[in-house]
Amino acid sequence: MTEDLISDIRKRHEYDAMVTENLHFPEHHWKHTRVGLQAHNDRAALLAEVEKLRALNTRLRAQIAEYFREPATHPVEGT
């Protein structure tokens, strides 16, 4: 995910928070603001990024575990 997308999401939600503070019926703000309607897509994008990072984390942990399972071949590693 690019920093630009995260920055855009942050700006939209900051704007939405400002609008919500000024509404008389804030519980309805998701139905009336363009930003509120975009929030569902934002959540989907962020959740996809979280899943991608979790998969990367799992792969890296597996590589580290595999490295430490290998026998020590360097003289310094054996001490």
PDB file of N, CA and C in Angstrom:
ATOM      1  N   MET A   1       0.854  -1.167   0.000  1.00  0.00           N
ATOM      2  CA  MET A   1       0.000   0.000   0.000  1.00  0.00           C
ATOM      3  C   MET A   1       0.901   1.231   0.000  1.00  0.00           C
ATOM      4  N   THR A   2       0.521   2.179  -0.768  1.00  0.00           N
ATOM      5  CA  THR A   2       1.357   3.365  -0.860  1.00  0.00           C
ATOM      6  C   THR A   2       1.038   4.336   0.264  1.00  0.00           C
ATOM      7  N   GLU A   3       2.015   5.132   0.585  1.00  0.00           N
ATOM      8  CA  GLU A   3       1.830   6.166   1.600  1.00  0.00           C
ATOM      9  C   GLU A   3       0.761   7.159   1.163  1.00  0.00           C
ATOM     10  N   ASP A   4       0.642   7.367  -0.162  1.00  0.00           N
ATOM     11  CA  ASP A   4      -0.370   8.301  -0.663  1.00  0.00           C
ATOM     12  C   ASP A   4      -1.768   7.816  -0.321  1.00  0.00           C
ATOM     13  N   LEU A   5      -2.024   6.526  -0.478  1.00  0.00           N
ATOM     14  CA  LEU A   5      -3.342   5.982  -0.168  1.00  0.00           C
ATOM     15  C   LEU A   5      -3.636   6.102   1.322  1.00  0.00           C
ATOM     16  N   ILE A   6      -2.666   5.783   2.145  1.00  0.00           N
ATOM     17  CA  ILE A   6      -2.862   5.908   3.588  1.00  0.00           C
ATOM     18  C   ILE A   6      -3.100   7.366   3.959  1.00  0.00           C
ATOM     19  N   SER A   7      -2.361   8.266   3.354  1.00  0.00           N
ATOM     20  CA  SER A   7      -2.545   9.695   3.609  1.00  0.00           C
ATOM     21  C   SER A   7      -3.928  10.155   3.179  1.00  0.00           C
ATOM     22  N   ASP A   8      -4.399   9.690   2.023  1.00  0.00           N
ATOM     23  CA  ASP A   8      -5.742  10.044   1.557  1.00  0.00           C
ATOM     24  C   ASP A   8      -6.808   9.529   2.508  1.00  0.00           C
ATOM     25  N   ILE A   9      -6.658   8.299   2.967  1.00  0.00           N
ATOM     26  CA  ILE A   9      -7.619   7.720   3.908  1.00  0.00           C
ATOM     27  C   ILE A   9      -7.626   8.540   5.196  1.00  0.00           C
ATOM     28  N   ARG A  10      -6.457   8.875   5.689  1.00  0.00           N
ATOM     29  CA  ARG A  10      -6.360   9.661   6.928  1.00  0.00           C
ATOM     30  C   ARG A  10      -7.050  11.019   6.756  1.00  0.00           C
ATOM     31  N   LYS A  11      -6.810  11.700   5.638  1.00  0.00           N
ATOM     32  CA  LYS A  11      -7.431  13.009   5.398  1.00  0.00           C
ATOM     33  C   LYS A  11      -8.949  12.895   5.325  1.00  0.00           C
ATOM     34  N   ARG A  12      -9.454  11.873   4.629  1.00  0.00           N
ATOM     35  CA  ARG A  12     -10.907  11.692   4.531  1.00  0.00           C
ATOM     36  C   ARG A  12     -11.534  11.497   5.898  1.00  0.00           C
ATOM     37  N   HIS A  13     -10.885  10.695   6.730  1.00  0.00           N
ATOM     38  CA  HIS A  13     -11.470  10.394   8.032  1.00  0.00           C
ATOM     39  C   HIS A  13     -11.308  11.541   9.026  1.00  0.00           C
ATOM     40  N   GLU A  14     -10.265  12.332   8.883  1.00  0.00           N
ATOM     41  CA  GLU A  14     -10.150  13.546   9.698  1.00  0.00           C
ATOM     42  C   GLU A  14     -11.253  14.531   9.323  1.00  0.00           C
ATOM     43  N   TYR A  15     -11.500  14.668   8.032  1.00  0.00           N
ATOM     44  CA  TYR A  15     -12.579  15.545   7.573  1.00  0.00           C
ATOM     45  C   TYR A  15     -13.924  15.033   8.080  1.00  0.00           C
ATOM     46  N   ASP A  16     -14.141  13.734   7.983  1.00  0.00           N
ATOM     47  CA  ASP A  16     -15.395  13.151   8.440  1.00  0.00           C
ATOM     48  C   ASP A  16     -15.579  13.365   9.937  1.00  0.00           C
ATOM     49  N   ALA A  17     -14.512  13.248  10.717  1.00  0.00           N
ATOM     50  CA  ALA A  17     -14.612  13.481  12.160  1.00  0.00           C
ATOM     51  C   ALA A  17     -15.003  14.926  12.430  1.00  0.00           C
ATOM     52  N   MET A  18     -14.454  15.865  11.652  1.00  0.00           N
ATOM     53  CA  MET A  18     -14.793  17.274  11.821  1.00  0.00           C
ATOM     54  C   MET A  18     -16.263  17.519  11.477  1.00  0.00           C
ATOM     55  N   VAL A  19     -16.744  16.909  10.395  1.00  0.00           N
ATOM     56  CA  VAL A  19     -18.147  17.068  10.008  1.00  0.00           C
ATOM     57  C   VAL A  19     -19.053  16.459  11.072  1.00  0.00           C
ATOM     58  N   THR A  20     -18.697  15.297  11.576  1.00  0.00           N
ATOM     59  CA  THR A  20     -19.510  14.602  12.569  1.00  0.00           C
ATOM     60  C   THR A  20     -19.665  15.434  13.835  1.00  0.00           C
ATOM     61  N   GLU A  21     -18.604  16.115  14.246  1.00  0.00           N
ATOM     62  CA  GLU A  21     -18.675  16.940  15.446  1.00  0.00           C
ATOM     63  C   GLU A  21     -19.673  18.076  15.298  1.00  0.00           C
ATOM     64  N   ASN A  22     -19.931  18.509  14.071  1.00  0.00           N
ATOM     65  CA  ASN A  22     -20.806  19.649  13.841  1.00  0.00           C
ATOM     66  C   ASN A  22     -22.224  19.267  13.423  1.00  0.00           C
ATOM     67  N   LEU A  23     -22.540  17.994  13.383  1.00  0.00           N
ATOM     68  CA  LEU A  23     -23.893  17.560  13.023  1.00  0.00           C
ATOM     69  C   LEU A  23     -24.789  17.513  14.254  1.00  0.00           C
ATOM     70  N   HIS A  24     -26.052  17.793  14.040  1.00  0.00           N
ATOM     71  CA  HIS A  24     -27.010  17.688  15.145  1.00  0.00           C
ATOM     72  C   HIS A  24     -27.357  16.239  15.454  1.00  0.00           C
ATOM     73  N   PHE A  25     -27.278  15.374  14.443  1.00  0.00           N
ATOM     74  CA  PHE A  25     -27.582  13.955  14.614  1.00  0.00           C
ATOM     75  C   PHE A  25     -26.396  13.141  14.113  1.00  0.00           C
ATOM     76  N   PRO A  26     -25.299  13.077  14.868  1.00  0.00           N
ATOM     77  CA  PRO A  26     -24.080  12.422  14.376  1.00  0.00           C
ATOM     78  C   PRO A  26     -24.249  10.939  14.078  1.00  0.00           C
ATOM     79  N   GLU A  27     -25.280  10.302  14.646  1.00  0.00           N
ATOM     80  CA  GLU A  27     -25.458   8.880  14.360  1.00  0.00           C
ATOM     81  C   GLU A  27     -25.846   8.636  12.903  1.00  0.00           C
ATOM     82  N   HIS A  28     -26.270   9.666  12.193  1.00  0.00           N
ATOM     83  CA  HIS A  28     -26.669   9.526  10.787  1.00  0.00           C
ATOM     84  C   HIS A  28     -25.588   9.980   9.810  1.00  0.00           C
ATOM     85  N   HIS A  29     -24.428  10.361  10.325  1.00  0.00           N
ATOM     86  CA  HIS A  29     -23.438  10.953   9.433  1.00  0.00           C
ATOM     87  C   HIS A  29     -22.950  10.003   8.358  1.00  0.00           C
ATOM     88  N   TRP A  30     -22.935   8.686   8.604  1.00  0.00           N
ATOM     89  CA  TRP A  30     -22.454   7.746   7.592  1.00  0.00           C
ATOM     90  C   TRP A  30     -23.355   7.736   6.369  1.00  0.00           C
ATOM     91  N   LYS A  31     -24.598   8.101   6.548  1.00  0.00           N
ATOM     92  CA  LYS A  31     -25.537   8.083   5.427  1.00  0.00           C
ATOM     93  C   LYS A  31     -25.490   9.364   4.605  1.00  0.00           C
ATOM     94  N   HIS A  32     -24.910  10.407   5.167  1.00  0.00           N
ATOM     95  CA  HIS A  32     -25.031  11.713   4.526  1.00  0.00           C
ATOM     96  C   HIS A  32     -23.724  12.307   4.024  1.00  0.00           C
ATOM     97  N   THR A  33     -22.610  11.722   4.361  1.00  0.00           N
ATOM     98  CA  THR A  33     -21.363  12.296   3.876  1.00  0.00           C
ATOM     99  C   THR A  33     -20.705  11.363   2.872  1.00  0.00           C
ATOM    100  N   ARG A  34     -20.093  11.951   1.884  1.00  0.00           N
ATOM    101  CA  ARG A  34     -19.374  11.175   0.869  1.00  0.00           C
ATOM    102  C   ARG A  34     -18.242  10.393   1.527  1.00  0.00           C
ATOM    103  N   VAL A  35     -17.620  11.013   2.520  1.00  0.00           N
ATOM    104  CA  VAL A  35     -16.530  10.352   3.226  1.00  0.00           C
ATOM    105  C   VAL A  35     -17.046   9.123   3.955  1.00  0.00           C
ATOM    106  N   GLY A  36     -18.201   9.250   4.561  1.00  0.00           N
ATOM    107  CA  GLY A  36     -18.782   8.103   5.259  1.00  0.00           C
ATOM    108  C   GLY A  36     -19.047   6.939   4.317  1.00  0.00           C
ATOM    109  N   LEU A  37     -19.492   7.256   3.122  1.00  0.00           N
ATOM    110  CA  LEU A  37     -19.743   6.203   2.146  1.00  0.00           C
ATOM    111  C   LEU A  37     -18.439   5.556   1.676  1.00  0.00           C
ATOM    112  N   GLN A  38     -17.352   6.327   1.649  1.00  0.00           N
ATOM    113  CA  GLN A  38     -16.055   5.818   1.229  1.00  0.00           C
ATOM    114  C   GLN A  38     -15.409   4.963   2.324  1.00  0.00           C
ATOM    115  N   ALA A  39     -15.890   5.097   3.568  1.00  0.00           N
ATOM    116  CA  ALA A  39     -15.256   4.419   4.698  1.00  0.00           C
ATOM    117  C   ALA A  39     -15.222   2.903   4.509  1.00  0.00           C
ATOM    118  N   HIS A  40     -16.260   2.337   3.928  1.00  0.00           N
ATOM    119  CA  HIS A  40     -16.297   0.890   3.725  1.00  0.00           C
ATOM    120  C   HIS A  40     -15.147   0.455   2.811  1.00  0.00           C
ATOM    121  N   ASN A  41     -14.920   1.187   1.737  1.00  0.00           N
ATOM    122  CA  ASN A  41     -13.813   0.869   0.824  1.00  0.00           C
ATOM    123  C   ASN A  41     -12.470   1.065   1.509  1.00  0.00           C
ATOM    124  N   ASP A  42     -12.384   2.107   2.352  1.00  0.00           N
ATOM    125  CA  ASP A  42     -11.145   2.345   3.093  1.00  0.00           C
ATOM    126  C   ASP A  42     -10.840   1.180   4.019  1.00  0.00           C
ATOM    127  N   ARG A  43     -11.853   0.704   4.730  1.00  0.00           N
ATOM    128  CA  ARG A  43     -11.652  -0.439   5.628  1.00  0.00           C
ATOM    129  C   ARG A  43     -11.194  -1.660   4.847  1.00  0.00           C
ATOM    130  N   ALA A  44     -11.787  -1.877   3.696  1.00  0.00           N
ATOM    131  CA  ALA A  44     -11.394  -3.022   2.867  1.00  0.00           C
ATOM    132  C   ALA A  44      -9.932  -2.908   2.434  1.00  0.00           C
ATOM    133  N   ALA A  45      -9.518  -1.720   2.030  1.00  0.00           N
ATOM    134  CA  ALA A  45      -8.129  -1.523   1.599  1.00  0.00           C
ATOM    135  C   ALA A  45      -7.171  -1.736   2.762  1.00  0.00           C
ATOM    136  N   LEU A  46      -7.521  -1.201   3.937  1.00  0.00           N
ATOM    137  CA  LEU A  46      -6.644  -1.340   5.097  1.00  0.00           C
ATOM    138  C   LEU A  46      -6.584  -2.785   5.583  1.00  0.00           C
ATOM    139  N   LEU A  47      -7.721  -3.479   5.570  1.00  0.00           N
ATOM    140  CA  LEU A  47      -7.722  -4.889   5.976  1.00  0.00           C
ATOM    141  C   LEU A  47      -6.902  -5.742   5.005  1.00  0.00           C
ATOM    142  N   ALA A  48      -6.976  -5.434   3.713  1.00  0.00           N
ATOM    143  CA  ALA A  48      -6.166  -6.163   2.730  1.00  0.00           C
ATOM    144  C   ALA A  48      -4.685  -5.936   3.004  1.00  0.00           C
ATOM    145  N   GLU A  49      -4.324  -4.707   3.362  1.00  0.00           N
ATOM    146  CA  GLU A  49      -2.926  -4.406   3.671  1.00  0.00           C
ATOM    147  C   GLU A  49      -2.487  -5.150   4.930  1.00  0.00           C
ATOM    148  N   VAL A  50      -3.344  -5.209   5.933  1.00  0.00           N
ATOM    149  CA  VAL A  50      -3.020  -5.947   7.163  1.00  0.00           C
ATOM    150  C   VAL A  50      -2.790  -7.417   6.845  1.00  0.00           C
ATOM    151  N   GLU A  51      -3.645  -8.002   6.033  1.00  0.00           N
ATOM    152  CA  GLU A  51      -3.486  -9.419   5.665  1.00  0.00           C
ATOM    153  C   GLU A  51      -2.180  -9.641   4.902  1.00  0.00           C
ATOM    154  N   LYS A  52      -1.842  -8.699   4.007  1.00  0.00           N
ATOM    155  CA  LYS A  52      -0.598  -8.817   3.250  1.00  0.00           C
ATOM    156  C   LYS A  52       0.609  -8.750   4.193  1.00  0.00           C
ATOM    157  N   LEU A  53       0.569  -7.831   5.148  1.00  0.00           N
ATOM    158  CA  LEU A  53       1.671  -7.706   6.097  1.00  0.00           C
ATOM    159  C   LEU A  53       1.759  -8.918   7.032  1.00  0.00           C
ATOM    160  N   ARG A  54       0.616  -9.470   7.412  1.00  0.00           N
ATOM    161  CA  ARG A  54       0.633 -10.684   8.242  1.00  0.00           C
ATOM    162  C   ARG A  54       1.253 -11.851   7.485  1.00  0.00           C
ATOM    163  N   ALA A  55       0.923 -11.978   6.202  1.00  0.00           N
ATOM    164  CA  ALA A  55       1.501 -13.056   5.391  1.00  0.00           C
ATOM    165  C   ALA A  55       3.009 -12.861   5.261  1.00  0.00           C
ATOM    166  N   LEU A  56       3.440 -11.631   5.045  1.00  0.00           N
ATOM    167  CA  LEU A  56       4.874 -11.347   4.962  1.00  0.00           C
ATOM    168  C   LEU A  56       5.555 -11.687   6.285  1.00  0.00           C
ATOM    169  N   ASN A  57       4.941 -11.311   7.395  1.00  0.00           N
ATOM    170  CA  ASN A  57       5.480 -11.598   8.720  1.00  0.00           C
ATOM    171  C   ASN A  57       5.611 -13.112   8.934  1.00  0.00           C
ATOM    172  N   THR A  58       4.610 -13.863   8.518  1.00  0.00           N
ATOM    173  CA  THR A  58       4.645 -15.323   8.650  1.00  0.00           C
ATOM    174  C   THR A  58       5.784 -15.911   7.828  1.00  0.00           C
ATOM    175  N   ARG A  59       5.951 -15.422   6.581  1.00  0.00           N
ATOM    176  CA  ARG A  59       7.054 -15.909   5.737  1.00  0.00           C
ATOM    177  C   ARG A  59       8.406 -15.588   6.351  1.00  0.00           C
ATOM    178  N   LEU A  60       8.572 -14.382   6.864  1.00  0.00           N
ATOM    179  CA  LEU A  60       9.849 -14.004   7.468  1.00  0.00           C
ATOM    180  C   LEU A  60      10.140 -14.826   8.720  1.00  0.00           C
ATOM    181  N   ARG A  61       9.121 -15.053   9.534  1.00  0.00           N
ATOM    182  CA  ARG A  61       9.313 -15.884  10.735  1.00  0.00           C
ATOM    183  C   ARG A  61       9.709 -17.312  10.358  1.00  0.00           C
ATOM    184  N   ALA A  62       9.116 -17.842   9.291  1.00  0.00           N
ATOM    185  CA  ALA A  62       9.473 -19.186   8.831  1.00  0.00           C
ATOM    186  C   ALA A  62      10.914 -19.223   8.334  1.00  0.00           C
ATOM    187  N   GLN A  63      11.338 -18.186   7.623  1.00  0.00           N
ATOM    188  CA  GLN A  63      12.720 -18.130   7.147  1.00  0.00           C
ATOM    189  C   GLN A  63      13.696 -18.050   8.315  1.00  0.00           C
ATOM    190  N   ILE A  64      13.363 -17.269   9.324  1.00  0.00           N
ATOM    191  CA  ILE A  64      14.230 -17.156  10.504  1.00  0.00           C
ATOM    192  C   ILE A  64      14.304 -18.488  11.239  1.00  0.00           C
ATOM    193  N   ALA A  65      13.154 -19.130  11.405  1.00  0.00           N
ATOM    194  CA  ALA A  65      13.137 -20.427  12.079  1.00  0.00           C
ATOM    195  C   ALA A  65      13.955 -21.449  11.303  1.00  0.00           C
ATOM    196  N   GLU A  66      13.844 -21.430   9.970  1.00  0.00           N
ATOM    197  CA  GLU A  66      14.618 -22.357   9.146  1.00  0.00           C
ATOM    198  C   GLU A  66      16.117 -22.080   9.290  1.00  0.00           C
ATOM    199  N   TYR A  67      16.489 -20.826   9.328  1.00  0.00           N
ATOM    200  CA  TYR A  67      17.905 -20.467   9.492  1.00  0.00           C
ATOM    201  C   TYR A  67      18.456 -21.032  10.802  1.00  0.00           C
ATOM    202  N   PHE A  68      17.702 -20.907  11.875  1.00  0.00           N
ATOM    203  CA  PHE A  68      18.202 -21.367  13.166  1.00  0.00           C
ATOM    204  C   PHE A  68      18.131 -22.891  13.320  1.00  0.00           C
ATOM    205  N   ARG A  69      17.383 -23.568  12.453  1.00  0.00           N
ATOM    206  CA  ARG A  69      17.357 -25.039  12.470  1.00  0.00           C
ATOM    207  C   ARG A  69      18.580 -25.629  11.783  1.00  0.00           C
ATOM    208  N   GLU A  70      19.207 -24.869  10.891  1.00  0.00           N
ATOM    209  CA  GLU A  70      20.382 -25.362  10.178  1.00  0.00           C
ATOM    210  C   GLU A  70      21.551 -25.514  11.144  1.00  0.00           C
ATOM    211  N   PRO A  71      22.413 -26.504  10.895  1.00  0.00           N
ATOM    212  CA  PRO A  71      23.561 -26.688  11.787  1.00  0.00           C
ATOM    213  C   PRO A  71      24.546 -25.520  11.657  1.00  0.00           C
ATOM    214  N   ALA A  72      25.249 -25.264  12.734  1.00  0.00           N
ATOM    215  CA  ALA A  72      26.249 -24.199  12.736  1.00  0.00           C
ATOM    216  C   ALA A  72      27.429 -24.634  11.877  1.00  0.00           C
ATOM    217  N   THR A  73      27.713 -23.868  10.823  1.00  0.00           N
ATOM    218  CA  THR A  73      28.810 -24.222   9.910  1.00  0.00           C
ATOM    219  C   THR A  73      29.988 -23.251  10.034  1.00  0.00           C
ATOM    220  N   HIS A  74      29.736 -22.114  10.548  1.00  0.00           N
ATOM    221  CA  HIS A  74      30.798 -21.118  10.710  1.00  0.00           C
ATOM    222  C   HIS A  74      31.463 -21.341  12.078  1.00  0.00           C
ATOM    223  N   PRO A  75      32.784 -21.218  12.166  1.00  0.00           N
ATOM    224  CA  PRO A  75      33.472 -21.482  13.433  1.00  0.00           C
ATOM    225  C   PRO A  75      32.949 -20.638  14.597  1.00  0.00           C
ATOM    226  N   VAL A  76      32.540 -19.414  14.335  1.00  0.00           N
ATOM    227  CA  VAL A  76      32.039 -18.554  15.416  1.00  0.00           C
ATOM    228  C   VAL A  76      30.666 -19.042  15.897  1.00  0.00           C
ATOM    229  N   GLU A  77      29.861 -19.579  14.988  1.00  0.00           N
ATOM    230  CA  GLU A  77      28.523 -20.039  15.358  1.00  0.00           C
ATOM    231  C   GLU A  77      28.576 -21.240  16.305  1.00  0.00           C
ATOM    232  N   GLY A  78      29.598 -22.024  16.229  1.00  0.00           N
ATOM    233  CA  GLY A  78      29.679 -23.224  17.047  1.00  0.00           C
ATOM    234  C   GLY A  78      30.057 -22.954  18.482  1.00  0.00           C
ATOM    235  N   THR A  79      30.503 -21.765  18.807  1.00  0.00           N
ATOM    236  CA  THR A  79      30.944 -21.473  20.180  1.00  0.00           C
ATOM    237  C   THR A  79      29.858 -20.947  21.045  1.00  0.00           C
TER     238      THR A  79
END
